[in-house]
Amino acid sequence: MRALNLPEKKSEKEVIFPAISVEMQYFMPAELKDEIIIKTCMVAVPQVRLLFKQSVYHPKKGLLNEANVCLASVNAKTMRATRCPEVLQKAVKATMQ
């Protein structure tokens, strides 16, 4: 949300994004003291689901793991699935062009 310059506090009150699935493949471990780099990109413009591809790197060891993460767009009051806020859809679409 920060990278897209979207107001987190406002969206947290209206819509929440719980994880509904995570598929991860580990290649190499990191240690607690290690600094790691996490790269995340959204796979498609979100509708009701937000699909992310995530890679975790160690500066010297290289790729540690990769993940596909799926979040649901849920109305914070009713706890039912809802369309992603239009402001989020537009922000993601702008980064994909």
PDB file of N, CA and C in Angstrom:
ATOM      1  N   MET A   1       0.836  -1.194   0.000  1.00  0.00           N
ATOM      2  CA  MET A   1       0.000   0.000   0.000  1.00  0.00           C
ATOM      3  C   MET A   1       0.881   1.258   0.000  1.00  0.00           C
ATOM      4  N   ARG A   2       1.955   1.185   0.799  1.00  0.00           N
ATOM      5  CA  ARG A   2       2.865   2.342   0.855  1.00  0.00           C
ATOM      6  C   ARG A   2       3.486   2.617  -0.500  1.00  0.00           C
ATOM      7  N   ALA A   3       3.930   1.569  -1.183  1.00  0.00           N
ATOM      8  CA  ALA A   3       4.584   1.732  -2.482  1.00  0.00           C
ATOM      9  C   ALA A   3       3.640   2.322  -3.521  1.00  0.00           C
ATOM     10  N   LEU A   4       2.348   2.104  -3.345  1.00  0.00           N
ATOM     11  CA  LEU A   4       1.351   2.639  -4.271  1.00  0.00           C
ATOM     12  C   LEU A   4       0.806   3.990  -3.815  1.00  0.00           C
ATOM     13  N   ASN A   5       1.346   4.505  -2.707  1.00  0.00           N
ATOM     14  CA  ASN A   5       0.896   5.782  -2.129  1.00  0.00           C
ATOM     15  C   ASN A   5      -0.590   5.774  -1.780  1.00  0.00           C
ATOM     16  N   LEU A   6      -1.038   4.663  -1.217  1.00  0.00           N
ATOM     17  CA  LEU A   6      -2.441   4.557  -0.821  1.00  0.00           C
ATOM     18  C   LEU A   6      -2.554   4.708   0.691  1.00  0.00           C
ATOM     19  N   PRO A   7      -3.594   5.384   1.149  1.00  0.00           N
ATOM     20  CA  PRO A   7      -3.770   5.577   2.594  1.00  0.00           C
ATOM     21  C   PRO A   7      -4.161   4.272   3.277  1.00  0.00           C
ATOM     22  N   GLU A   8      -3.254   3.713   4.057  1.00  0.00           N
ATOM     23  CA  GLU A   8      -3.512   2.431   4.717  1.00  0.00           C
ATOM     24  C   GLU A   8      -4.620   2.522   5.749  1.00  0.00           C
ATOM     25  N   LYS A   9      -4.607   3.561   6.546  1.00  0.00           N
ATOM     26  CA  LYS A   9      -5.573   3.660   7.649  1.00  0.00           C
ATOM     27  C   LYS A   9      -7.005   3.667   7.153  1.00  0.00           C
ATOM     28  N   LYS A  10      -7.285   4.417   6.089  1.00  0.00           N
ATOM     29  CA  LYS A  10      -8.652   4.485   5.574  1.00  0.00           C
ATOM     30  C   LYS A  10      -9.087   3.119   5.039  1.00  0.00           C
ATOM     31  N   SER A  11      -8.217   2.485   4.264  1.00  0.00           N
ATOM     32  CA  SER A  11      -8.606   1.207   3.669  1.00  0.00           C
ATOM     33  C   SER A  11      -8.751   0.119   4.728  1.00  0.00           C
ATOM     34  N   GLU A  12      -7.973   0.191   5.819  1.00  0.00           N
ATOM     35  CA  GLU A  12      -8.081  -0.810   6.878  1.00  0.00           C
ATOM     36  C   GLU A  12      -9.457  -0.794   7.536  1.00  0.00           C
ATOM     37  N   LYS A  13     -10.112   0.351   7.562  1.00  0.00           N
ATOM     38  CA  LYS A  13     -11.425   0.458   8.189  1.00  0.00           C
ATOM     39  C   LYS A  13     -12.528  -0.105   7.304  1.00  0.00           C
ATOM     40  N   GLU A  14     -12.327  -0.061   5.975  1.00  0.00           N
ATOM     41  CA  GLU A  14     -13.358  -0.481   5.040  1.00  0.00           C
ATOM     42  C   GLU A  14     -13.151  -1.894   4.500  1.00  0.00           C
ATOM     43  N   VAL A  15     -11.924  -2.173   4.099  1.00  0.00           N
ATOM     44  CA  VAL A  15     -11.618  -3.446   3.457  1.00  0.00           C
ATOM     45  C   VAL A  15     -10.360  -4.029   4.100  1.00  0.00           C
ATOM     46  N   ILE A  16     -10.395  -5.336   4.345  1.00  0.00           N
ATOM     47  CA  ILE A  16      -9.208  -6.021   4.843  1.00  0.00           C
ATOM     48  C   ILE A  16      -8.798  -7.071   3.810  1.00  0.00           C
ATOM     49  N   PHE A  17      -7.579  -7.537   3.896  1.00  0.00           N
ATOM     50  CA  PHE A  17      -7.047  -8.456   2.898  1.00  0.00           C
ATOM     51  C   PHE A  17      -6.416  -9.687   3.559  1.00  0.00           C
ATOM     52  N   PRO A  18      -7.229 -10.603   4.064  1.00  0.00           N
ATOM     53  CA  PRO A  18      -6.660 -11.816   4.671  1.00  0.00           C
ATOM     54  C   PRO A  18      -6.074 -12.747   3.601  1.00  0.00           C
ATOM     55  N   ALA A  19      -5.024 -13.464   3.964  1.00  0.00           N
ATOM     56  CA  ALA A  19      -4.440 -14.467   3.068  1.00  0.00           C
ATOM     57  C   ALA A  19      -5.379 -15.660   2.988  1.00  0.00           C
ATOM     58  N   ILE A  20      -5.641 -16.113   1.769  1.00  0.00           N
ATOM     59  CA  ILE A  20      -6.483 -17.307   1.610  1.00  0.00           C
ATOM     60  C   ILE A  20      -5.679 -18.491   1.088  1.00  0.00           C
ATOM     61  N   SER A  21      -4.523 -18.220   0.499  1.00  0.00           N
ATOM     62  CA  SER A  21      -3.634 -19.322   0.136  1.00  0.00           C
ATOM     63  C   SER A  21      -2.215 -18.801  -0.055  1.00  0.00           C
ATOM     64  N   VAL A  22      -1.270 -19.665   0.299  1.00  0.00           N
ATOM     65  CA  VAL A  22       0.145 -19.372   0.106  1.00  0.00           C
ATOM     66  C   VAL A  22       0.793 -20.653  -0.391  1.00  0.00           C
ATOM     67  N   GLU A  23       1.447 -20.566  -1.527  1.00  0.00           N
ATOM     68  CA  GLU A  23       2.193 -21.697  -2.081  1.00  0.00           C
ATOM     69  C   GLU A  23       3.650 -21.263  -2.111  1.00  0.00           C
ATOM     70  N   MET A  24       4.493 -21.959  -1.359  1.00  0.00           N
ATOM     71  CA  MET A  24       5.873 -21.514  -1.232  1.00  0.00           C
ATOM     72  C   MET A  24       6.831 -22.662  -1.515  1.00  0.00           C
ATOM     73  N   GLN A  25       7.905 -22.319  -2.184  1.00  0.00           N
ATOM     74  CA  GLN A  25       8.950 -23.296  -2.462  1.00  0.00           C
ATOM     75  C   GLN A  25      10.250 -22.774  -1.863  1.00  0.00           C
ATOM     76  N   TYR A  26      10.825 -23.552  -0.964  1.00  0.00           N
ATOM     77  CA  TYR A  26      12.075 -23.192  -0.306  1.00  0.00           C
ATOM     78  C   TYR A  26      13.251 -23.771  -1.070  1.00  0.00           C
ATOM     79  N   PHE A  27      14.288 -22.954  -1.260  1.00  0.00           N
ATOM     80  CA  PHE A  27      15.497 -23.410  -1.923  1.00  0.00           C
ATOM     81  C   PHE A  27      16.686 -23.471  -0.971  1.00  0.00           C
ATOM     82  N   MET A  28      16.709 -22.517  -0.038  1.00  0.00           N
ATOM     83  CA  MET A  28      17.862 -22.387   0.838  1.00  0.00           C
ATOM     84  C   MET A  28      17.426 -21.638   2.102  1.00  0.00           C
ATOM     85  N   PRO A  29      17.966 -22.009   3.260  1.00  0.00           N
ATOM     86  CA  PRO A  29      17.552 -21.332   4.491  1.00  0.00           C
ATOM     87  C   PRO A  29      18.280 -20.002   4.705  1.00  0.00           C
ATOM     88  N   ALA A  30      17.654 -19.157   5.486  1.00  0.00           N
ATOM     89  CA  ALA A  30      18.286 -17.938   5.995  1.00  0.00           C
ATOM     90  C   ALA A  30      18.433 -18.125   7.497  1.00  0.00           C
ATOM     91  N   GLU A  31      19.335 -17.364   8.075  1.00  0.00           N
ATOM     92  CA  GLU A  31      19.503 -17.400   9.522  1.00  0.00           C
ATOM     93  C   GLU A  31      18.881 -16.150  10.112  1.00  0.00           C
ATOM     94  N   LEU A  32      18.569 -16.206  11.390  1.00  0.00           N
ATOM     95  CA  LEU A  32      17.902 -15.099  12.060  1.00  0.00           C
ATOM     96  C   LEU A  32      18.675 -13.790  11.909  1.00  0.00           C
ATOM     97  N   LYS A  33      19.976 -13.841  11.909  1.00  0.00           N
ATOM     98  CA  LYS A  33      20.806 -12.634  11.827  1.00  0.00           C
ATOM     99  C   LYS A  33      20.916 -12.084  10.396  1.00  0.00           C
ATOM    100  N   ASP A  34      20.504 -12.849   9.407  1.00  0.00           N
ATOM    101  CA  ASP A  34      20.644 -12.443   8.006  1.00  0.00           C
ATOM    102  C   ASP A  34      19.721 -11.299   7.629  1.00  0.00           C
ATOM    103  N   GLU A  35      20.242 -10.400   6.821  1.00  0.00           N
ATOM    104  CA  GLU A  35      19.385  -9.405   6.179  1.00  0.00           C
ATOM    105  C   GLU A  35      18.954 -10.011   4.858  1.00  0.00           C
ATOM    106  N   ILE A  36      17.679  -9.907   4.571  1.00  0.00           N
ATOM    107  CA  ILE A  36      17.147 -10.484   3.343  1.00  0.00           C
ATOM    108  C   ILE A  36      16.445  -9.404   2.536  1.00  0.00           C
ATOM    109  N   ILE A  37      16.245  -9.693   1.289  1.00  0.00           N
ATOM    110  CA  ILE A  37      15.536  -8.783   0.378  1.00  0.00           C
ATOM    111  C   ILE A  37      14.283  -9.510  -0.087  1.00  0.00           C
ATOM    112  N   ILE A  38      13.141  -8.864   0.074  1.00  0.00           N
ATOM    113  CA  ILE A  38      11.874  -9.459  -0.351  1.00  0.00           C
ATOM    114  C   ILE A  38      11.327  -8.633  -1.501  1.00  0.00           C
ATOM    115  N   LYS A  39      11.117  -9.286  -2.632  1.00  0.00           N
ATOM    116  CA  LYS A  39      10.551  -8.621  -3.808  1.00  0.00           C
ATOM    117  C   LYS A  39       9.149  -9.172  -4.032  1.00  0.00           C
ATOM    118  N   THR A  40       8.200  -8.262  -4.144  1.00  0.00           N
ATOM    119  CA  THR A  40       6.806  -8.652  -4.326  1.00  0.00           C
ATOM    120  C   THR A  40       6.231  -7.918  -5.517  1.00  0.00           C
ATOM    121  N   CYS A  41       5.521  -8.634  -6.365  1.00  0.00           N
ATOM    122  CA  CYS A  41       4.817  -7.953  -7.458  1.00  0.00           C
ATOM    123  C   CYS A  41       3.422  -8.559  -7.588  1.00  0.00           C
ATOM    124  N   MET A  42       2.490  -7.707  -7.933  1.00  0.00           N
ATOM    125  CA  MET A  42       1.120  -8.154  -8.120  1.00  0.00           C
ATOM    126  C   MET A  42       1.017  -8.743  -9.522  1.00  0.00           C
ATOM    127  N   VAL A  43       0.409  -9.904  -9.629  1.00  0.00           N
ATOM    128  CA  VAL A  43       0.337 -10.636 -10.882  1.00  0.00           C
ATOM    129  C   VAL A  43      -0.710 -10.056 -11.823  1.00  0.00           C
ATOM    130  N   ALA A  44      -1.802  -9.547 -11.280  1.00  0.00           N
ATOM    131  CA  ALA A  44      -2.898  -9.015 -12.092  1.00  0.00           C
ATOM    132  C   ALA A  44      -3.595  -7.898 -11.324  1.00  0.00           C
ATOM    133  N   VAL A  45      -4.347  -7.089 -12.053  1.00  0.00           N
ATOM    134  CA  VAL A  45      -5.132  -6.037 -11.411  1.00  0.00           C
ATOM    135  C   VAL A  45      -6.158  -6.727 -10.517  1.00  0.00           C
ATOM    136  N   PRO A  46      -6.215  -6.340  -9.238  1.00  0.00           N
ATOM    137  CA  PRO A  46      -7.097  -7.049  -8.310  1.00  0.00           C
ATOM    138  C   PRO A  46      -8.579  -6.791  -8.566  1.00  0.00           C
ATOM    139  N   GLN A  47      -9.350  -7.842  -8.424  1.00  0.00           N
ATOM    140  CA  GLN A  47     -10.806  -7.726  -8.469  1.00  0.00           C
ATOM    141  C   GLN A  47     -11.318  -8.035  -7.066  1.00  0.00           C
ATOM    142  N   VAL A  48     -11.533  -9.302  -6.768  1.00  0.00           N
ATOM    143  CA  VAL A  48     -11.889  -9.733  -5.419  1.00  0.00           C
ATOM    144  C   VAL A  48     -10.689 -10.421  -4.768  1.00  0.00           C
ATOM    145  N   ARG A  49      -9.826 -10.972  -5.593  1.00  0.00           N
ATOM    146  CA  ARG A  49      -8.594 -11.609  -5.112  1.00  0.00           C
ATOM    147  C   ARG A  49      -7.385 -10.797  -5.551  1.00  0.00           C
ATOM    148  N   LEU A  50      -6.386 -10.787  -4.708  1.00  0.00           N
ATOM    149  CA  LEU A  50      -5.120 -10.128  -5.015  1.00  0.00           C
ATOM    150  C   LEU A  50      -4.067 -11.223  -5.120  1.00  0.00           C
ATOM    151  N   LEU A  51      -3.448 -11.349  -6.282  1.00  0.00           N
ATOM    152  CA  LEU A  51      -2.462 -12.394  -6.509  1.00  0.00           C
ATOM    153  C   LEU A  51      -1.069 -11.783  -6.575  1.00  0.00           C
ATOM    154  N   PHE A  52      -0.161 -12.302  -5.746  1.00  0.00           N
ATOM    155  CA  PHE A  52       1.200 -11.795  -5.667  1.00  0.00           C
ATOM    156  C   PHE A  52       2.206 -12.900  -5.966  1.00  0.00           C
ATOM    157  N   LYS A  53       3.312 -12.503  -6.565  1.00  0.00           N
ATOM    158  CA  LYS A  53       4.482 -13.374  -6.715  1.00  0.00           C
ATOM    159  C   LYS A  53       5.543 -12.760  -5.815  1.00  0.00           C
ATOM    160  N   GLN A  54       6.123 -13.558  -4.956  1.00  0.00           N
ATOM    161  CA  GLN A  54       7.089 -13.044  -3.995  1.00  0.00           C
ATOM    162  C   GLN A  54       8.365 -13.876  -4.050  1.00  0.00           C
ATOM    163  N   SER A  55       9.506 -13.186  -4.027  1.00  0.00           N
ATOM    164  CA  SER A  55      10.813 -13.845  -4.008  1.00  0.00           C
ATOM    165  C   SER A  55      11.615 -13.281  -2.854  1.00  0.00           C
ATOM    166  N   VAL A  56      12.317 -14.161  -2.147  1.00  0.00           N
ATOM    167  CA  VAL A  56      13.141 -13.758  -1.011  1.00  0.00           C
ATOM    168  C   VAL A  56      14.597 -14.079  -1.362  1.00  0.00           C
ATOM    169  N   TYR A  57      15.442 -13.069  -1.246  1.00  0.00           N
ATOM    170  CA  TYR A  57      16.852 -13.200  -1.614  1.00  0.00           C
ATOM    171  C   TYR A  57      17.757 -12.897  -0.428  1.00  0.00           C
ATOM    172  N   HIS A  58      18.902 -13.539  -0.443  1.00  0.00           N
ATOM    173  CA  HIS A  58      19.999 -13.219   0.471  1.00  0.00           C
ATOM    174  C   HIS A  58      21.072 -12.579  -0.409  1.00  0.00           C
ATOM    175  N   PRO A  59      21.675 -11.472   0.030  1.00  0.00           N
ATOM    176  CA  PRO A  59      22.662 -10.786  -0.817  1.00  0.00           C
ATOM    177  C   PRO A  59      23.801 -11.681  -1.324  1.00  0.00           C
ATOM    178  N   LYS A  60      24.216 -12.664  -0.543  1.00  0.00           N
ATOM    179  CA  LYS A  60      25.326 -13.539  -0.962  1.00  0.00           C
ATOM    180  C   LYS A  60      24.859 -14.918  -1.420  1.00  0.00           C
ATOM    181  N   LYS A  61      23.843 -15.460  -0.768  1.00  0.00           N
ATOM    182  CA  LYS A  61      23.373 -16.810  -1.087  1.00  0.00           C
ATOM    183  C   LYS A  61      22.473 -16.844  -2.313  1.00  0.00           C
ATOM    184  N   GLY A  62      21.846 -15.730  -2.630  1.00  0.00           N
ATOM    185  CA  GLY A  62      20.924 -15.682  -3.764  1.00  0.00           C
ATOM    186  C   GLY A  62      19.494 -15.978  -3.358  1.00  0.00           C
ATOM    187  N   LEU A  63      18.767 -16.615  -4.259  1.00  0.00           N
ATOM    188  CA  LEU A  63      17.338 -16.883  -4.058  1.00  0.00           C
ATOM    189  C   LEU A  63      17.127 -17.891  -2.935  1.00  0.00           C
ATOM    190  N   LEU A  64      16.340 -17.503  -1.944  1.00  0.00           N
ATOM    191  CA  LEU A  64      16.032 -18.380  -0.806  1.00  0.00           C
ATOM    192  C   LEU A  64      14.700 -19.099  -0.980  1.00  0.00           C
ATOM    193  N   ASN A  65      13.686 -18.359  -1.432  1.00  0.00           N
ATOM    194  CA  ASN A  65      12.397 -18.999  -1.676  1.00  0.00           C
ATOM    195  C   ASN A  65      11.540 -18.137  -2.587  1.00  0.00           C
ATOM    196  N   GLU A  66      10.535 -18.766  -3.136  1.00  0.00           N
ATOM    197  CA  GLU A  66       9.546 -18.083  -3.972  1.00  0.00           C
ATOM    198  C   GLU A  66       8.162 -18.473  -3.478  1.00  0.00           C
ATOM    199  N   ALA A  67       7.221 -17.555  -3.632  1.00  0.00           N
ATOM    200  CA  ALA A  67       5.866 -17.841  -3.168  1.00  0.00           C
ATOM    201  C   ALA A  67       4.838 -17.207  -4.089  1.00  0.00           C
ATOM    202  N   ASN A  68       3.701 -17.869  -4.163  1.00  0.00           N
ATOM    203  CA  ASN A  68       2.508 -17.299  -4.770  1.00  0.00           C
ATOM    204  C   ASN A  68       1.544 -17.087  -3.616  1.00  0.00           C
ATOM    205  N   VAL A  69       1.092 -15.855  -3.472  1.00  0.00           N
ATOM    206  CA  VAL A  69       0.236 -15.496  -2.344  1.00  0.00           C
ATOM    207  C   VAL A  69      -1.080 -14.955  -2.888  1.00  0.00           C
ATOM    208  N   CYS A  70      -2.178 -15.445  -2.338  1.00  0.00           N
ATOM    209  CA  CYS A  70      -3.500 -14.974  -2.735  1.00  0.00           C
ATOM    210  C   CYS A  70      -4.195 -14.376  -1.509  1.00  0.00           C
ATOM    211  N   LEU A  71      -4.605 -13.123  -1.628  1.00  0.00           N
ATOM    212  CA  LEU A  71      -5.360 -12.446  -0.579  1.00  0.00           C
ATOM    213  C   LEU A  71      -6.781 -12.237  -1.078  1.00  0.00           C
ATOM    214  N   ALA A  72      -7.716 -12.176  -0.170  1.00  0.00           N
ATOM    215  CA  ALA A  72      -9.106 -11.871  -0.516  1.00  0.00           C
ATOM    216  C   ALA A  72      -9.415 -10.444  -0.105  1.00  0.00           C
ATOM    217  N   SER A  73     -10.238  -9.788  -0.877  1.00  0.00           N
ATOM    218  CA  SER A  73     -10.736  -8.463  -0.518  1.00  0.00           C
ATOM    219  C   SER A  73     -12.042  -8.680   0.258  1.00  0.00           C
ATOM    220  N   VAL A  74     -12.035  -8.281   1.534  1.00  0.00           N
ATOM    221  CA  VAL A  74     -13.160  -8.576   2.420  1.00  0.00           C
ATOM    222  C   VAL A  74     -13.652  -7.289   3.070  1.00  0.00           C
ATOM    223  N   ASN A  75     -14.969  -7.098   3.081  1.00  0.00           N
ATOM    224  CA  ASN A  75     -15.565  -5.958   3.765  1.00  0.00           C
ATOM    225  C   ASN A  75     -15.300  -6.115   5.256  1.00  0.00           C
ATOM    226  N   ALA A  76     -14.680  -5.116   5.869  1.00  0.00           N
ATOM    227  CA  ALA A  76     -14.266  -5.210   7.275  1.00  0.00           C
ATOM    228  C   ALA A  76     -15.451  -5.308   8.236  1.00  0.00           C
ATOM    229  N   LYS A  77     -16.599  -4.787   7.857  1.00  0.00           N
ATOM    230  CA  LYS A  77     -17.764  -4.837   8.753  1.00  0.00           C
ATOM    231  C   LYS A  77     -18.540  -6.143   8.617  1.00  0.00           C
ATOM    232  N   THR A  78     -18.783  -6.566   7.368  1.00  0.00           N
ATOM    233  CA  THR A  78     -19.601  -7.754   7.145  1.00  0.00           C
ATOM    234  C   THR A  78     -18.785  -9.041   7.059  1.00  0.00           C
ATOM    235  N   MET A  79     -17.474  -8.900   6.857  1.00  0.00           N
ATOM    236  CA  MET A  79     -16.560 -10.035   6.690  1.00  0.00           C
ATOM    237  C   MET A  79     -16.940 -10.891   5.474  1.00  0.00           C
ATOM    238  N   ARG A  80     -17.525 -10.253   4.457  1.00  0.00           N
ATOM    239  CA  ARG A  80     -17.876 -10.944   3.214  1.00  0.00           C
ATOM    240  C   ARG A  80     -16.985 -10.417   2.093  1.00  0.00           C
ATOM    241  N   ALA A  81     -16.744 -11.282   1.102  1.00  0.00           N
ATOM    242  CA  ALA A  81     -15.929 -10.892  -0.042  1.00  0.00           C
ATOM    243  C   ALA A  81     -16.545  -9.675  -0.730  1.00  0.00           C
ATOM    244  N   THR A  82     -15.667  -8.794  -1.193  1.00  0.00           N
ATOM    245  CA  THR A  82     -16.109  -7.578  -1.878  1.00  0.00           C
ATOM    246  C   THR A  82     -15.080  -7.220  -2.937  1.00  0.00           C
ATOM    247  N   ARG A  83     -15.472  -6.409  -3.896  1.00  0.00           N
ATOM    248  CA  ARG A  83     -14.511  -5.946  -4.905  1.00  0.00           C
ATOM    249  C   ARG A  83     -13.445  -5.080  -4.241  1.00  0.00           C
ATOM    250  N   CYS A  84     -12.252  -5.163  -4.772  1.00  0.00           N
ATOM    251  CA  CYS A  84     -11.168  -4.310  -4.277  1.00  0.00           C
ATOM    252  C   CYS A  84     -11.541  -2.853  -4.503  1.00  0.00           C
ATOM    253  N   PRO A  85     -11.103  -1.983  -3.619  1.00  0.00           N
ATOM    254  CA  PRO A  85     -11.371  -0.565  -3.814  1.00  0.00           C
ATOM    255  C   PRO A  85     -10.831  -0.091  -5.168  1.00  0.00           C
ATOM    256  N   GLU A  86     -11.597   0.747  -5.835  1.00  0.00           N
ATOM    257  CA  GLU A  86     -11.220   1.234  -7.161  1.00  0.00           C
ATOM    258  C   GLU A  86      -9.870   1.949  -7.138  1.00  0.00           C
ATOM    259  N   VAL A  87      -9.586   2.656  -6.053  1.00  0.00           N
ATOM    260  CA  VAL A  87      -8.308   3.361  -5.958  1.00  0.00           C
ATOM    261  C   VAL A  87      -7.146   2.369  -5.998  1.00  0.00           C
ATOM    262  N   LEU A  88      -7.309   1.207  -5.396  1.00  0.00           N
ATOM    263  CA  LEU A  88      -6.267   0.179  -5.430  1.00  0.00           C
ATOM    264  C   LEU A  88      -6.152  -0.416  -6.826  1.00  0.00           C
ATOM    265  N   GLN A  89      -7.278  -0.690  -7.467  1.00  0.00           N
ATOM    266  CA  GLN A  89      -7.260  -1.220  -8.828  1.00  0.00           C
ATOM    267  C   GLN A  89      -6.536  -0.265  -9.778  1.00  0.00           C
ATOM    268  N   LYS A  90      -6.848   1.017  -9.687  1.00  0.00           N
ATOM    269  CA  LYS A  90      -6.226   2.018 -10.570  1.00  0.00           C
ATOM    270  C   LYS A  90      -4.724   2.134 -10.292  1.00  0.00           C
ATOM    271  N   ALA A  91      -4.339   2.110  -9.027  1.00  0.00           N
ATOM    272  CA  ALA A  91      -2.924   2.228  -8.675  1.00  0.00           C
ATOM    273  C   ALA A  91      -2.131   1.036  -9.213  1.00  0.00           C
ATOM    274  N   VAL A  92      -2.683  -0.153  -9.082  1.00  0.00           N
ATOM    275  CA  VAL A  92      -1.992  -1.347  -9.587  1.00  0.00           C
ATOM    276  C   VAL A  92      -1.922  -1.309 -11.097  1.00  0.00           C
ATOM    277  N   LYS A  93      -3.007  -0.950 -11.742  1.00  0.00           N
ATOM    278  CA  LYS A  93      -3.033  -0.881 -13.200  1.00  0.00           C
ATOM    279  C   LYS A  93      -1.975   0.098 -13.704  1.00  0.00           C
ATOM    280  N   ALA A  94      -1.798   1.211 -13.031  1.00  0.00           N
ATOM    281  CA  ALA A  94      -0.799   2.215 -13.447  1.00  0.00           C
ATOM    282  C   ALA A  94       0.622   1.664 -13.350  1.00  0.00           C
ATOM    283  N   THR A  95       0.897   0.810 -12.362  1.00  0.00           N
ATOM    284  CA  THR A  95       2.246   0.257 -12.223  1.00  0.00           C
ATOM    285  C   THR A  95       2.519  -0.846 -13.231  1.00  0.00           C
ATOM    286  N   MET A  96       1.478  -1.426 -13.803  1.00  0.00           N
ATOM    287  CA  MET A  96       1.652  -2.525 -14.760  1.00  0.00           C
ATOM    288  C   MET A  96       1.795  -2.044 -16.189  1.00  0.00           C
ATOM    289  N   GLN A  97       1.645  -0.770 -16.424  1.00  0.00           N
ATOM    290  CA  GLN A  97       1.725  -0.249 -17.803  1.00  0.00           C
ATOM    291  C   GLN A  97       3.122   0.177 -18.139  1.00  0.00           C
TER     292      GLN A  97
END
